[in-house]
Amino acid sequence: MRRVEEKIKVLFLCTGNACRSQMAEGWARHLKSDVIEAFSAGVMPAGVSTRAITSMDEAGVDISSHTSRHVNDYMAIDFDYVITLCDYASEKCPVFGGKTKVIHKPFEDPTMALGSSEEVMTAFRRTRDQIREFVETLPESLADDVGASKKE
C-alpha cells in the first residue's frame, strides 16, 4: 500500500516531446502535483513547440521553461506509469523494469494540423483541452485502465 505522502511517478511519452507530452506534464504539475510527480520525454526529442507553449499559457499553465528530453534520460527512474500519447512512442517505448505499467492513451498531433494560423491554433487548443480532461482523471483512472500492461 502506498503511503499518502508518496506521489506516483508518471512519465508522459511522445515522439518528439514537443507538444502532447509537454502539455500532459504541464497539466499534471498544475492540477495534480499533490499526488503525481510528472515527467515528459520523447523517443526523438525535437524541442518544445512554441504553439504548445502559447496554448498552455492561454489556459494559465506556463511550460515555457520546459525542455525536450530523450526517454533514455529517465531509464534509471522507477516509474509507476509510463503513458504513451502517440502510436509511434508506443511502438518505440523501451522496456521499463520493476513495477512500471505502460498505458497507451493516444491524442491527435496538432503539429500536423493544416490551414491558417488560427486553424492550427484551434487544433492545439483542442488537444490541450483533451489532455486536460484525461489528466483530471488521474491517478484514479490509471489503476482501473484495462489497457495497462507491463512491458516485458
Protein backbone atom coordinates (compact mmCIF):
# COMPACT_ATOMS: atom_id res chain seq x y z
CA MET A 1 0.00 0.00 0.00
CA ARG A 2 1.33 3.42 -0.98
CA ARG A 3 1.81 5.92 1.81
CA VAL A 4 -0.40 9.00 1.45
CA GLU A 5 2.53 11.41 1.17
CA GLU A 6 4.22 9.32 -1.54
CA LYS A 7 3.49 10.62 -5.04
CA ILE A 8 3.21 8.32 -8.01
CA LYS A 9 5.83 8.85 -10.70
CA VAL A 10 4.39 9.26 -14.20
CA LEU A 11 6.30 9.67 -17.45
CA PHE A 12 4.34 11.07 -20.40
CA LEU A 13 5.99 9.82 -23.58
CA CYS A 14 5.56 11.03 -27.15
CA THR A 15 7.63 11.07 -30.31
CA GLY A 16 9.30 14.48 -30.11
CA ASN A 17 8.49 15.63 -26.56
CA ALA A 18 7.43 18.83 -28.29
CA CYS A 19 3.70 19.10 -27.69
CA ARG A 20 1.40 16.42 -26.25
CA SER A 21 3.79 15.07 -23.63
CA GLN A 22 4.76 18.61 -22.65
CA MET A 23 1.09 19.54 -22.27
CA ALA A 24 0.43 16.42 -20.19
CA GLU A 25 3.38 17.13 -17.90
CA GLY A 26 2.25 20.75 -17.56
CA TRP A 27 -1.33 19.77 -16.70
CA ALA A 28 -0.19 17.10 -14.25
CA ARG A 29 2.08 19.55 -12.45
CA HIS A 30 -0.64 22.24 -12.48
CA LEU A 31 -3.61 20.06 -11.46
CA LYS A 32 -2.17 17.02 -9.67
CA SER A 33 1.17 17.99 -8.11
CA ASP A 34 -0.12 16.81 -4.74
CA VAL A 35 -0.36 13.19 -5.94
CA ILE A 36 1.73 12.94 -9.15
CA GLU A 37 5.39 13.57 -9.83
CA ALA A 38 5.24 14.24 -13.57
CA PHE A 39 7.91 13.93 -16.23
CA SER A 40 7.84 14.00 -20.03
CA ALA A 41 10.14 12.71 -22.73
CA GLY A 42 10.33 11.74 -26.36
CA VAL A 43 11.77 8.88 -28.35
CA MET A 44 13.18 11.50 -30.78
CA PRO A 45 13.27 14.87 -28.92
CA ALA A 46 12.55 17.81 -31.21
CA GLY A 47 12.34 20.87 -28.93
CA VAL A 48 9.24 22.31 -27.30
CA SER A 49 6.65 23.70 -29.73
CA THR A 50 6.03 27.43 -29.39
CA ARG A 51 2.37 26.79 -30.18
CA ALA A 52 2.17 24.28 -27.33
CA ILE A 53 3.66 26.90 -25.02
CA THR A 54 1.18 29.53 -26.27
CA SER A 55 -1.88 27.29 -25.98
CA MET A 56 -0.96 26.21 -22.44
CA ASP A 57 -0.27 29.82 -21.47
CA GLU A 58 -3.77 30.72 -22.68
CA ALA A 59 -5.07 28.17 -20.16
CA GLY A 60 -2.95 29.56 -17.34
CA VAL A 61 -0.19 26.93 -17.37
CA ASP A 62 3.39 28.04 -18.01
CA ILE A 63 5.53 25.43 -19.78
CA SER A 64 7.92 27.97 -21.31
CA SER A 65 10.84 26.69 -19.23
CA HIS A 66 10.31 23.04 -20.26
CA THR A 67 12.94 21.36 -22.37
CA SER A 68 12.66 18.42 -24.72
CA ARG A 69 14.25 15.30 -23.20
CA HIS A 70 15.03 11.82 -24.50
CA VAL A 71 13.33 8.87 -22.82
CA ASN A 72 16.75 7.33 -22.13
CA ASP A 73 17.43 10.22 -19.73
CA TYR A 74 14.85 8.68 -17.40
CA MET A 75 15.63 4.98 -17.57
CA ALA A 76 17.05 4.96 -14.01
CA ILE A 77 13.80 6.26 -12.50
CA ASP A 78 11.40 3.67 -11.11
CA PHE A 79 8.18 4.99 -12.67
CA ASP A 80 4.79 3.77 -11.58
CA TYR A 81 3.36 4.54 -15.03
CA VAL A 82 4.61 5.41 -18.48
CA ILE A 83 1.80 6.85 -20.57
CA THR A 84 2.43 6.86 -24.31
CA LEU A 85 0.50 9.62 -26.05
CA CYS A 86 1.05 8.60 -29.68
CA ASP A 87 1.32 5.35 -31.62
CA TYR A 88 4.97 5.84 -32.58
CA ALA A 89 6.04 6.31 -28.97
CA SER A 90 4.02 3.25 -28.01
CA GLU A 91 5.85 1.17 -30.61
CA LYS A 92 9.29 2.52 -29.64
CA CYS A 93 8.81 2.67 -25.88
CA PRO A 94 11.73 0.98 -24.16
CA VAL A 95 11.18 -1.66 -21.53
CA PHE A 96 10.99 -0.22 -18.04
CA GLY A 97 11.78 -2.58 -15.19
CA GLY A 98 10.19 -3.12 -11.85
CA LYS A 99 6.62 -2.13 -11.21
CA THR A 100 6.21 0.19 -14.22
CA LYS A 101 2.96 -0.14 -16.12
CA VAL A 102 2.79 1.19 -19.67
CA ILE A 103 -0.52 2.66 -20.78
CA HIS A 104 -1.29 3.86 -24.29
CA LYS A 105 -3.54 6.93 -24.46
CA PRO A 106 -3.15 8.49 -27.93
CA PHE A 107 -4.09 12.07 -28.76
CA GLU A 108 -4.23 13.80 -32.13
CA ASP A 109 -0.98 15.53 -33.08
CA PRO A 110 -1.76 19.24 -33.52
CA THR A 111 1.65 19.85 -35.11
CA MET A 112 0.27 18.05 -38.17
CA ALA A 113 -2.72 20.42 -38.48
CA LEU A 114 -3.09 22.29 -41.76
CA GLY A 115 -4.76 25.58 -42.51
CA SER A 116 -4.49 29.14 -41.35
CA SER A 117 -2.56 30.08 -38.24
CA GLU A 118 -5.85 30.30 -36.34
CA GLU A 119 -6.97 26.86 -37.57
CA VAL A 120 -3.68 25.36 -36.43
CA MET A 121 -4.00 27.04 -33.02
CA THR A 122 -7.54 25.64 -32.77
CA ALA A 123 -6.04 22.15 -33.18
CA PHE A 124 -3.52 22.87 -30.40
CA ARG A 125 -6.28 24.12 -28.11
CA ARG A 126 -8.43 21.05 -28.83
CA THR A 127 -5.56 18.68 -27.98
CA ARG A 128 -4.67 20.77 -24.91
CA ASP A 129 -8.25 20.51 -23.62
CA GLN A 130 -8.49 16.76 -24.33
CA ILE A 131 -5.25 16.16 -22.45
CA ARG A 132 -6.50 18.26 -19.54
CA GLU A 133 -9.68 16.13 -19.36
CA PHE A 134 -7.53 12.99 -19.26
CA VAL A 135 -5.13 14.35 -16.61
CA GLU A 136 -8.08 15.38 -14.43
CA THR A 137 -8.97 11.66 -14.14
CA LEU A 138 -5.52 10.78 -12.79
CA PRO A 139 -4.36 8.88 -10.87
CA GLU A 140 -7.61 7.02 -10.24
CA SER A 141 -8.18 6.10 -13.89
CA LEU A 142 -4.73 4.53 -14.15
CA ALA A 143 -5.45 1.80 -11.64
CA ASP A 144 -8.65 0.94 -13.48
CA ASP A 145 -7.21 1.11 -17.01
CA VAL A 146 -7.77 -2.26 -18.62
CA GLY A 147 -5.15 -1.35 -21.22
CA ALA A 148 -2.46 -1.11 -18.57
CA SER A 149 0.18 -3.69 -19.18
CA LYS A 150 3.70 -4.17 -18.02
CA LYS A 151 6.08 -4.40 -20.98
CA GLU A 152 8.21 -7.49 -20.61
